């Protein structure tokens, strides 16, 4: 099973939305700068883009999911429903496309009860990593909300090639639940 690229995937369309996100990251960074000037340790280098975010590889995530003793992250699919229905990572939750407000609102509802230190993995897989329209906004939103352990699943090509074809576990959604 090899999920296809959804026609709604407007790869590269997220650049116009970058300015407000960068501003949000800068606003979050200012309090750390003030604390540093009061004699505290300097802050870690700011991660200013989801492309520079902490990543997890498919191999690493599959290993965590197979390991009986490992802490399991909360995993959210922030791509298109049709792709999630075809095949998704077992235990992952569908949040909706991260490129629109409906998907972002669904993700915030899904994480609202989690502690800010909960390990979270975001993934899409609709198209090549460098063009994904769905990871940037959810990553930035969770960072701004204070979640400290957010990783993005690095899939250079797409979910079909980088997860399914490598034999990592998948589930399909019940077609009656769409």
N, C-alpha and C. Protein backbone atom coordinates (compact mmCIF):
# COMPACT_ATOMS: atom_id res chain seq x y z
N UNK A 1 0.85 -1.16 0.00
CA UNK A 1 0.00 0.00 0.00
C UNK A 1 0.90 1.23 0.00
N UNK A 2 0.74 2.07 -0.97
CA UNK A 2 1.56 3.27 -1.07
C UNK A 2 0.66 4.48 -1.20
N UNK A 3 0.44 5.22 -0.10
CA UNK A 3 -0.43 6.39 -0.17
C UNK A 3 0.06 7.37 -1.23
N UNK A 4 -0.89 7.98 -1.89
CA UNK A 4 -0.56 8.93 -2.94
C UNK A 4 -0.57 10.34 -2.38
N UNK A 5 0.00 11.24 -3.14
CA UNK A 5 -0.01 12.65 -2.75
C UNK A 5 -1.41 13.19 -2.98
N UNK A 6 -1.98 13.80 -1.98
CA UNK A 6 -3.32 14.34 -2.06
C UNK A 6 -3.30 15.60 -2.92
N UNK A 7 -4.29 15.77 -3.81
CA UNK A 7 -4.29 16.95 -4.68
C UNK A 7 -4.36 18.27 -3.93
N UNK A 8 -4.85 18.26 -2.69
CA UNK A 8 -4.92 19.50 -1.92
C UNK A 8 -3.55 19.91 -1.38
N UNK A 9 -2.56 19.04 -1.52
CA UNK A 9 -1.23 19.34 -1.01
C UNK A 9 -0.61 20.42 -1.87
N UNK A 10 -0.62 21.62 -1.38
CA UNK A 10 -0.06 22.74 -2.11
C UNK A 10 1.34 22.98 -1.59
N UNK A 11 2.24 22.08 -1.92
CA UNK A 11 3.60 22.13 -1.40
C UNK A 11 4.24 23.47 -1.66
N UNK A 12 4.82 24.04 -0.64
CA UNK A 12 5.50 25.32 -0.77
C UNK A 12 4.61 26.50 -0.44
N UNK A 13 3.32 26.26 -0.20
CA UNK A 13 2.39 27.36 0.02
C UNK A 13 2.54 28.00 1.39
N UNK A 14 3.26 27.38 2.31
CA UNK A 14 3.35 27.88 3.66
C UNK A 14 4.29 29.05 3.86
N UNK A 15 5.01 29.44 2.84
CA UNK A 15 6.00 30.52 3.02
C UNK A 15 5.38 31.85 3.40
N UNK A 16 4.19 32.13 2.87
CA UNK A 16 3.54 33.39 3.18
C UNK A 16 3.12 33.46 4.63
N UNK A 17 2.96 32.28 5.26
CA UNK A 17 2.55 32.25 6.66
C UNK A 17 3.74 32.25 7.61
N UNK A 18 4.94 32.31 7.11
CA UNK A 18 6.14 32.19 7.93
C UNK A 18 6.35 33.39 8.84
N UNK A 19 6.05 34.61 8.39
CA UNK A 19 6.33 35.81 9.18
C UNK A 19 5.63 35.79 10.53
N UNK A 20 4.32 35.49 10.61
CA UNK A 20 3.69 35.46 11.93
C UNK A 20 4.28 34.38 12.84
N UNK A 21 4.71 33.27 12.28
CA UNK A 21 5.29 32.20 13.08
C UNK A 21 6.65 32.60 13.63
N UNK A 22 7.45 33.26 12.81
CA UNK A 22 8.76 33.73 13.27
C UNK A 22 8.56 34.75 14.38
N UNK A 23 7.57 35.62 14.20
CA UNK A 23 7.28 36.60 15.24
C UNK A 23 6.90 35.91 16.54
N UNK A 24 6.09 34.87 16.46
CA UNK A 24 5.70 34.11 17.65
C UNK A 24 6.88 33.49 18.35
N UNK A 25 7.81 32.93 17.58
CA UNK A 25 9.01 32.33 18.17
C UNK A 25 9.85 33.41 18.85
N UNK A 26 9.97 34.56 18.21
CA UNK A 26 10.74 35.65 18.82
C UNK A 26 10.10 36.12 20.12
N UNK A 27 8.78 36.22 20.14
CA UNK A 27 8.09 36.64 21.36
C UNK A 27 8.34 35.63 22.47
N UNK A 28 8.31 34.35 22.14
CA UNK A 28 8.57 33.32 23.14
C UNK A 28 10.02 33.35 23.62
N UNK A 29 10.93 33.81 22.78
CA UNK A 29 12.36 33.83 23.10
C UNK A 29 12.74 35.00 24.01
N UNK A 30 12.01 36.12 23.93
CA UNK A 30 12.36 37.33 24.68
C UNK A 30 12.44 37.08 26.19
N UNK A 31 11.46 36.40 26.83
CA UNK A 31 11.59 36.18 28.29
C UNK A 31 12.86 35.41 28.66
N UNK A 32 13.27 34.47 27.83
CA UNK A 32 14.51 33.72 28.12
C UNK A 32 15.71 34.66 28.05
N UNK A 33 15.69 35.60 27.13
CA UNK A 33 16.80 36.55 27.01
C UNK A 33 16.87 37.44 28.24
N UNK A 34 15.71 37.88 28.74
CA UNK A 34 15.68 38.72 29.93
C UNK A 34 16.22 37.94 31.13
N UNK A 35 15.80 36.68 31.28
CA UNK A 35 16.29 35.85 32.40
C UNK A 35 17.79 35.67 32.31
N UNK A 36 18.33 35.51 31.13
CA UNK A 36 19.76 35.32 30.94
C UNK A 36 20.51 36.56 31.42
N UNK A 37 19.96 37.76 31.16
CA UNK A 37 20.65 38.99 31.57
C UNK A 37 20.65 39.13 33.09
N UNK A 38 19.80 38.37 33.79
CA UNK A 38 19.76 38.40 35.25
C UNK A 38 20.75 37.43 35.87
N UNK A 39 21.68 36.89 35.10
CA UNK A 39 22.70 36.02 35.62
C UNK A 39 22.43 34.54 35.47
N UNK A 40 21.31 34.18 34.90
CA UNK A 40 21.02 32.77 34.68
C UNK A 40 21.77 32.27 33.46
N UNK A 41 21.76 30.95 33.28
CA UNK A 41 22.46 30.35 32.14
C UNK A 41 21.86 30.84 30.83
N UNK A 42 22.67 30.99 29.80
CA UNK A 42 22.15 31.43 28.51
C UNK A 42 21.20 30.38 27.94
N UNK A 43 20.20 30.82 27.17
CA UNK A 43 19.25 29.88 26.60
C UNK A 43 19.89 29.02 25.52
N UNK A 44 19.27 27.88 25.27
CA UNK A 44 19.71 27.05 24.15
C UNK A 44 19.46 27.84 22.88
N UNK A 45 20.22 27.54 21.83
CA UNK A 45 19.97 28.23 20.57
C UNK A 45 18.51 28.06 20.16
N UNK A 46 17.88 29.16 19.76
CA UNK A 46 16.47 29.10 19.37
C UNK A 46 16.30 28.30 18.09
N UNK A 47 15.32 27.43 18.10
CA UNK A 47 14.95 26.72 16.89
C UNK A 47 13.90 27.58 16.23
N UNK A 48 14.23 28.16 15.10
CA UNK A 48 13.36 29.16 14.50
C UNK A 48 12.50 28.62 13.36
N UNK A 49 12.54 27.33 13.12
CA UNK A 49 11.78 26.78 12.01
C UNK A 49 11.52 25.30 12.27
N UNK A 50 10.37 24.82 11.82
CA UNK A 50 10.09 23.39 11.96
C UNK A 50 11.12 22.57 11.21
N UNK A 51 11.73 23.14 10.18
CA UNK A 51 12.76 22.42 9.42
C UNK A 51 14.01 22.19 10.27
N UNK A 52 14.19 23.02 11.31
CA UNK A 52 15.32 22.86 12.24
C UNK A 52 14.89 22.21 13.54
N UNK A 53 13.63 21.82 13.62
CA UNK A 53 13.09 21.23 14.85
C UNK A 53 13.76 19.89 15.14
N UNK A 54 13.60 19.44 16.36
CA UNK A 54 14.13 18.13 16.72
C UNK A 54 13.36 17.08 15.91
N UNK A 55 14.11 16.23 15.26
CA UNK A 55 13.52 15.22 14.39
C UNK A 55 13.66 13.84 14.99
N UNK A 56 12.76 12.96 14.54
CA UNK A 56 12.88 11.55 14.84
C UNK A 56 12.73 10.83 13.50
N UNK A 57 13.53 9.82 13.29
CA UNK A 57 13.47 9.09 12.03
C UNK A 57 12.41 8.00 12.12
N UNK A 58 11.92 7.53 10.98
CA UNK A 58 10.97 6.41 11.01
C UNK A 58 11.54 5.20 11.73
N UNK A 59 12.80 4.90 11.51
CA UNK A 59 13.43 3.76 12.18
C UNK A 59 13.40 3.93 13.70
N UNK A 60 13.74 5.14 14.18
CA UNK A 60 13.75 5.39 15.63
C UNK A 60 12.34 5.27 16.23
N UNK A 61 11.35 5.84 15.54
CA UNK A 61 9.99 5.78 16.06
C UNK A 61 9.46 4.34 16.05
N UNK A 62 9.72 3.61 14.97
CA UNK A 62 9.28 2.22 14.90
C UNK A 62 9.90 1.40 16.03
N UNK A 63 11.15 1.66 16.33
CA UNK A 63 11.83 0.95 17.42
C UNK A 63 11.18 1.27 18.77
N UNK A 64 10.85 2.53 19.00
CA UNK A 64 10.18 2.92 20.24
C UNK A 64 8.82 2.22 20.35
N UNK A 65 8.08 2.18 19.24
CA UNK A 65 6.77 1.55 19.26
C UNK A 65 6.85 0.05 19.53
N UNK A 66 7.93 -0.59 19.07
CA UNK A 66 8.12 -2.04 19.28
C UNK A 66 8.62 -2.36 20.69
N UNK A 67 9.27 -1.42 21.32
CA UNK A 67 9.89 -1.65 22.62
C UNK A 67 8.86 -1.65 23.75
N UNK A 68 8.83 -2.74 24.50
CA UNK A 68 7.85 -2.88 25.57
C UNK A 68 8.06 -1.87 26.69
N UNK A 69 9.30 -1.53 27.00
CA UNK A 69 9.57 -0.67 28.14
C UNK A 69 9.71 0.81 27.82
N UNK A 70 9.70 1.17 26.55
CA UNK A 70 9.95 2.56 26.17
C UNK A 70 8.72 3.43 26.40
N UNK A 71 8.96 4.67 26.79
CA UNK A 71 7.88 5.65 26.91
C UNK A 71 7.36 5.93 25.50
N UNK A 72 6.08 5.77 25.32
CA UNK A 72 5.47 5.99 24.00
C UNK A 72 5.07 7.46 23.88
N UNK A 73 5.45 8.09 22.78
CA UNK A 73 5.02 9.47 22.58
C UNK A 73 3.56 9.54 22.15
N UNK A 74 2.96 10.69 22.32
CA UNK A 74 1.66 10.95 21.72
C UNK A 74 1.96 11.30 20.26
N UNK A 75 1.31 10.61 19.34
CA UNK A 75 1.61 10.77 17.91
C UNK A 75 0.39 11.34 17.21
N UNK A 76 0.60 12.42 16.47
CA UNK A 76 -0.50 13.09 15.77
C UNK A 76 -0.21 13.20 14.29
N UNK A 77 -1.19 12.77 13.50
CA UNK A 77 -1.10 12.93 12.04
C UNK A 77 -1.72 14.28 11.71
N UNK A 78 -0.92 15.17 11.15
CA UNK A 78 -1.37 16.52 10.84
C UNK A 78 -1.48 16.72 9.33
N UNK A 79 -1.78 15.63 8.63
CA UNK A 79 -1.94 15.67 7.18
C UNK A 79 -3.40 15.50 6.80
N UNK A 80 -3.61 14.95 5.61
CA UNK A 80 -4.95 14.83 5.05
C UNK A 80 -5.63 13.53 5.46
N UNK A 81 -6.95 13.62 5.72
CA UNK A 81 -7.72 12.47 6.20
C UNK A 81 -7.60 11.27 5.26
N UNK A 82 -7.62 11.49 3.97
CA UNK A 82 -7.55 10.37 3.02
C UNK A 82 -6.26 9.57 3.22
N UNK A 83 -5.18 10.23 3.51
CA UNK A 83 -3.92 9.53 3.75
C UNK A 83 -3.97 8.77 5.07
N UNK A 84 -4.53 9.38 6.11
CA UNK A 84 -4.65 8.71 7.40
C UNK A 84 -5.54 7.48 7.27
N UNK A 85 -6.61 7.58 6.49
CA UNK A 85 -7.53 6.45 6.32
C UNK A 85 -6.85 5.30 5.57
N UNK A 86 -6.00 5.61 4.61
CA UNK A 86 -5.30 4.57 3.85
C UNK A 86 -4.35 3.80 4.75
N UNK A 87 -3.53 4.50 5.48
CA UNK A 87 -2.56 3.86 6.37
C UNK A 87 -1.99 4.92 7.31
N UNK A 88 -1.87 4.54 8.58
CA UNK A 88 -1.28 5.46 9.55
C UNK A 88 -0.51 4.67 10.60
N UNK A 89 0.28 5.39 11.37
CA UNK A 89 1.08 4.78 12.42
C UNK A 89 0.15 4.30 13.52
N UNK A 90 0.29 3.04 13.94
CA UNK A 90 -0.58 2.52 15.00
C UNK A 90 -0.50 3.40 16.26
N UNK A 91 -1.67 3.70 16.78
CA UNK A 91 -1.74 4.52 17.98
C UNK A 91 -1.75 6.01 17.71
N UNK A 92 -1.52 6.40 16.46
CA UNK A 92 -1.53 7.83 16.16
C UNK A 92 -2.97 8.32 16.09
N UNK A 93 -3.13 9.61 16.33
CA UNK A 93 -4.44 10.24 16.27
C UNK A 93 -4.48 11.20 15.10
N UNK A 94 -5.62 11.25 14.45
CA UNK A 94 -5.79 12.18 13.34
C UNK A 94 -6.18 13.55 13.90
N UNK A 95 -5.40 14.58 13.54
CA UNK A 95 -5.71 15.94 13.98
C UNK A 95 -6.23 16.79 12.83
N UNK A 96 -5.94 16.42 11.62
CA UNK A 96 -6.36 17.24 10.48
C UNK A 96 -5.18 18.00 9.92
N UNK A 97 -5.33 18.52 8.72
CA UNK A 97 -4.22 19.23 8.08
C UNK A 97 -3.73 20.40 8.93
N UNK A 98 -2.45 20.42 9.16
CA UNK A 98 -1.84 21.48 9.93
C UNK A 98 -1.76 22.79 9.18
N UNK A 99 -2.14 22.78 7.92
CA UNK A 99 -2.09 24.00 7.12
C UNK A 99 -3.38 24.82 7.23
N UNK A 100 -4.37 24.31 8.00
CA UNK A 100 -5.59 25.11 8.15
C UNK A 100 -6.01 25.19 9.61
N UNK A 101 -6.84 26.16 9.90
CA UNK A 101 -7.23 26.44 11.29
C UNK A 101 -8.03 25.30 11.91
N UNK A 102 -8.83 24.60 11.12
CA UNK A 102 -9.61 23.48 11.65
C UNK A 102 -8.68 22.40 12.19
N UNK A 103 -7.64 22.07 11.44
CA UNK A 103 -6.67 21.08 11.88
C UNK A 103 -5.90 21.56 13.12
N UNK A 104 -5.52 22.82 13.14
CA UNK A 104 -4.79 23.36 14.29
C UNK A 104 -5.66 23.34 15.55
N UNK A 105 -6.94 23.69 15.39
CA UNK A 105 -7.86 23.66 16.53
C UNK A 105 -8.03 22.24 17.05
N UNK A 106 -8.14 21.28 16.14
CA UNK A 106 -8.30 19.87 16.54
C UNK A 106 -7.05 19.40 17.29
N UNK A 107 -5.88 19.79 16.83
CA UNK A 107 -4.64 19.40 17.51
C UNK A 107 -4.59 20.00 18.91
N UNK A 108 -4.95 21.26 19.04
CA UNK A 108 -4.92 21.89 20.37
C UNK A 108 -5.90 21.21 21.32
N UNK A 109 -7.08 20.83 20.83
CA UNK A 109 -8.02 20.09 21.68
C UNK A 109 -7.41 18.75 22.09
N UNK A 110 -6.75 18.09 21.16
CA UNK A 110 -6.18 16.77 21.43
C UNK A 110 -5.07 16.82 22.47
N UNK A 111 -4.28 17.88 22.48
CA UNK A 111 -3.16 17.97 23.42
C UNK A 111 -3.50 18.72 24.70
N UNK A 112 -4.69 19.27 24.79
CA UNK A 112 -5.03 20.15 25.92
C UNK A 112 -4.89 19.48 27.29
N UNK A 113 -5.10 18.19 27.37
CA UNK A 113 -5.01 17.51 28.66
C UNK A 113 -3.61 16.94 28.94
N UNK A 114 -2.71 17.06 27.97
CA UNK A 114 -1.37 16.50 28.14
C UNK A 114 -0.48 17.44 28.97
N UNK A 115 0.44 16.87 29.74
CA UNK A 115 1.42 17.73 30.42
C UNK A 115 2.37 18.34 29.38
N UNK A 116 2.87 19.51 29.67
CA UNK A 116 3.75 20.22 28.72
C UNK A 116 5.05 19.44 28.46
N UNK A 117 5.36 18.47 29.31
CA UNK A 117 6.57 17.67 29.14
C UNK A 117 6.31 16.35 28.41
N UNK A 118 5.07 16.12 27.96
CA UNK A 118 4.74 14.91 27.23
C UNK A 118 5.52 14.87 25.91
N UNK A 119 6.07 13.73 25.60
CA UNK A 119 6.73 13.54 24.31
C UNK A 119 5.67 13.48 23.22
N UNK A 120 5.82 14.32 22.21
CA UNK A 120 4.85 14.42 21.11
C UNK A 120 5.60 14.27 19.79
N UNK A 121 5.03 13.49 18.88
CA UNK A 121 5.57 13.36 17.53
C UNK A 121 4.49 13.80 16.55
N UNK A 122 4.84 14.70 15.67
CA UNK A 122 3.96 15.16 14.59
C UNK A 122 4.42 14.54 13.29
N UNK A 123 3.47 14.12 12.45
CA UNK A 123 3.86 13.63 11.12
C UNK A 123 2.78 13.91 10.11
N UNK A 124 3.19 13.97 8.86
CA UNK A 124 2.27 14.17 7.75
C UNK A 124 2.57 13.11 6.69
N UNK A 125 3.61 13.34 5.88
CA UNK A 125 3.99 12.36 4.87
C UNK A 125 3.28 12.50 3.55
N UNK A 126 2.64 13.65 3.30
CA UNK A 126 1.90 13.82 2.05
C UNK A 126 2.82 14.03 0.84
N UNK A 127 3.98 14.56 1.09
CA UNK A 127 4.88 14.90 0.00
C UNK A 127 6.30 14.99 0.57
N UNK A 128 7.28 15.31 -0.25
CA UNK A 128 8.65 15.41 0.30
C UNK A 128 8.74 16.42 1.45
N UNK A 129 9.55 16.05 2.42
CA UNK A 129 9.76 16.84 3.65
C UNK A 129 9.89 18.33 3.38
N UNK A 130 10.76 18.69 2.47
CA UNK A 130 11.06 20.11 2.27
C UNK A 130 9.87 20.91 1.72
N UNK A 131 8.84 20.21 1.25
CA UNK A 131 7.67 20.91 0.69
C UNK A 131 6.40 20.74 1.52
N UNK A 132 6.49 20.06 2.66
CA UNK A 132 5.29 19.73 3.42
C UNK A 132 4.59 21.00 3.93
N UNK A 133 3.30 21.14 3.59
CA UNK A 133 2.56 22.32 4.03
C UNK A 133 1.92 22.15 5.41
N UNK A 134 2.05 20.96 6.02
CA UNK A 134 1.26 20.66 7.21
C UNK A 134 2.03 20.55 8.52
N UNK A 135 3.33 20.66 8.52
CA UNK A 135 4.09 20.50 9.77
C UNK A 135 4.45 21.82 10.43
N UNK A 136 4.66 22.84 9.66
CA UNK A 136 5.16 24.10 10.20
C UNK A 136 4.25 24.71 11.26
N UNK A 137 2.99 24.91 10.94
CA UNK A 137 2.09 25.58 11.88
C UNK A 137 1.82 24.76 13.14
N UNK A 138 1.55 23.45 13.04
CA UNK A 138 1.35 22.69 14.29
C UNK A 138 2.58 22.69 15.19
N UNK A 139 3.77 22.55 14.59
CA UNK A 139 5.00 22.57 15.39
C UNK A 139 5.13 23.91 16.10
N UNK A 140 4.96 25.01 15.37
CA UNK A 140 5.11 26.34 15.97
C UNK A 140 4.05 26.58 17.05
N UNK A 141 2.84 26.11 16.81
CA UNK A 141 1.76 26.30 17.78
C UNK A 141 2.06 25.56 19.09
N UNK A 142 2.54 24.31 18.99
CA UNK A 142 2.87 23.56 20.21
C UNK A 142 4.06 24.17 20.93
N UNK A 143 5.03 24.66 20.19
CA UNK A 143 6.16 25.34 20.82
C UNK A 143 5.67 26.57 21.59
N UNK A 144 4.84 27.37 20.94
CA UNK A 144 4.32 28.59 21.58
C UNK A 144 3.45 28.27 22.79
N UNK A 145 2.79 27.09 22.76
CA UNK A 145 1.93 26.68 23.88
C UNK A 145 2.75 26.13 25.05
N UNK A 146 4.07 26.00 24.87
CA UNK A 146 4.93 25.57 25.97
C UNK A 146 5.27 24.09 26.02
N UNK A 147 4.91 23.33 25.00
CA UNK A 147 5.29 21.92 24.98
C UNK A 147 6.79 21.83 24.70
N UNK A 148 7.48 21.06 25.52
CA UNK A 148 8.95 21.05 25.49
C UNK A 148 9.57 19.85 24.78
N UNK A 149 8.76 18.85 24.43
CA UNK A 149 9.32 17.64 23.83
C UNK A 149 8.59 17.29 22.54
N UNK A 150 8.53 18.25 21.62
CA UNK A 150 7.85 18.05 20.35
C UNK A 150 8.89 17.70 19.29
N UNK A 151 8.66 16.58 18.61
CA UNK A 151 9.53 16.17 17.51
C UNK A 151 8.69 16.04 16.25
N UNK A 152 9.35 16.19 15.12
CA UNK A 152 8.69 15.96 13.84
C UNK A 152 9.30 14.71 13.21
N UNK A 153 8.43 13.87 12.65
CA UNK A 153 8.88 12.64 12.01
C UNK A 153 9.47 13.00 10.65
N UNK A 154 10.75 12.72 10.48
CA UNK A 154 11.45 13.09 9.26
C UNK A 154 11.25 12.01 8.19
N UNK A 155 10.45 12.36 7.19
CA UNK A 155 10.22 11.49 6.04
C UNK A 155 10.65 12.25 4.79
N UNK A 156 11.84 11.95 4.28
CA UNK A 156 12.36 12.72 3.15
C UNK A 156 11.46 12.70 1.91
N UNK A 157 10.80 11.56 1.64
CA UNK A 157 9.98 11.46 0.42
C UNK A 157 8.49 11.55 0.73
N UNK A 158 7.96 10.58 1.45
CA UNK A 158 6.55 10.59 1.87
C UNK A 158 6.29 9.38 2.75
N UNK A 159 5.09 9.28 3.29
CA UNK A 159 4.75 8.20 4.21
C UNK A 159 4.83 6.83 3.53
N UNK A 160 4.38 6.75 2.30
CA UNK A 160 4.42 5.48 1.59
C UNK A 160 5.83 4.94 1.44
N UNK A 161 6.75 5.78 1.00
CA UNK A 161 8.13 5.35 0.75
C UNK A 161 8.91 5.20 2.05
N UNK A 162 8.78 6.16 2.95
CA UNK A 162 9.63 6.21 4.14
C UNK A 162 9.09 5.44 5.35
N UNK A 163 7.85 4.98 5.30
CA UNK A 163 7.30 4.20 6.41
C UNK A 163 6.71 2.88 5.91
N UNK A 164 5.72 2.96 5.03
CA UNK A 164 5.00 1.76 4.60
C UNK A 164 5.92 0.79 3.86
N UNK A 165 6.64 1.28 2.86
CA UNK A 165 7.50 0.40 2.06
C UNK A 165 8.68 -0.17 2.85
N UNK A 166 8.99 0.43 3.97
CA UNK A 166 10.09 -0.10 4.80
C UNK A 166 9.58 -1.15 5.78
N UNK A 167 8.29 -1.44 5.74
CA UNK A 167 7.74 -2.50 6.56
C UNK A 167 7.42 -2.11 7.99
N UNK A 168 7.38 -0.83 8.30
CA UNK A 168 7.02 -0.41 9.64
C UNK A 168 5.51 -0.61 9.83
N UNK A 169 5.07 -0.77 11.07
CA UNK A 169 3.66 -1.11 11.29
C UNK A 169 2.70 -0.01 10.85
N UNK A 170 1.57 -0.43 10.29
CA UNK A 170 0.52 0.50 9.87
C UNK A 170 -0.85 -0.05 10.27
N UNK A 171 -1.77 0.87 10.40
CA UNK A 171 -3.18 0.55 10.59
C UNK A 171 -3.94 1.31 9.50
N UNK A 172 -5.10 0.79 9.16
CA UNK A 172 -6.00 1.51 8.26
C UNK A 172 -7.22 1.91 9.07
N UNK A 173 -7.80 3.03 8.74
CA UNK A 173 -9.01 3.47 9.45
C UNK A 173 -10.20 2.66 9.00
N UNK A 174 -11.17 2.56 9.86
CA UNK A 174 -12.44 1.94 9.52
C UNK A 174 -13.10 2.84 8.48
N UNK A 175 -13.38 2.33 7.26
CA UNK A 175 -13.95 3.17 6.21
C UNK A 175 -15.25 3.86 6.61
N UNK A 176 -16.01 3.25 7.52
CA UNK A 176 -17.28 3.86 7.92
C UNK A 176 -17.09 5.10 8.78
N UNK A 177 -15.85 5.31 9.28
CA UNK A 177 -15.56 6.49 10.09
C UNK A 177 -14.75 7.52 9.34
N UNK A 178 -14.55 7.33 8.06
CA UNK A 178 -13.97 8.22 7.13
C UNK A 178 -12.77 8.91 7.30
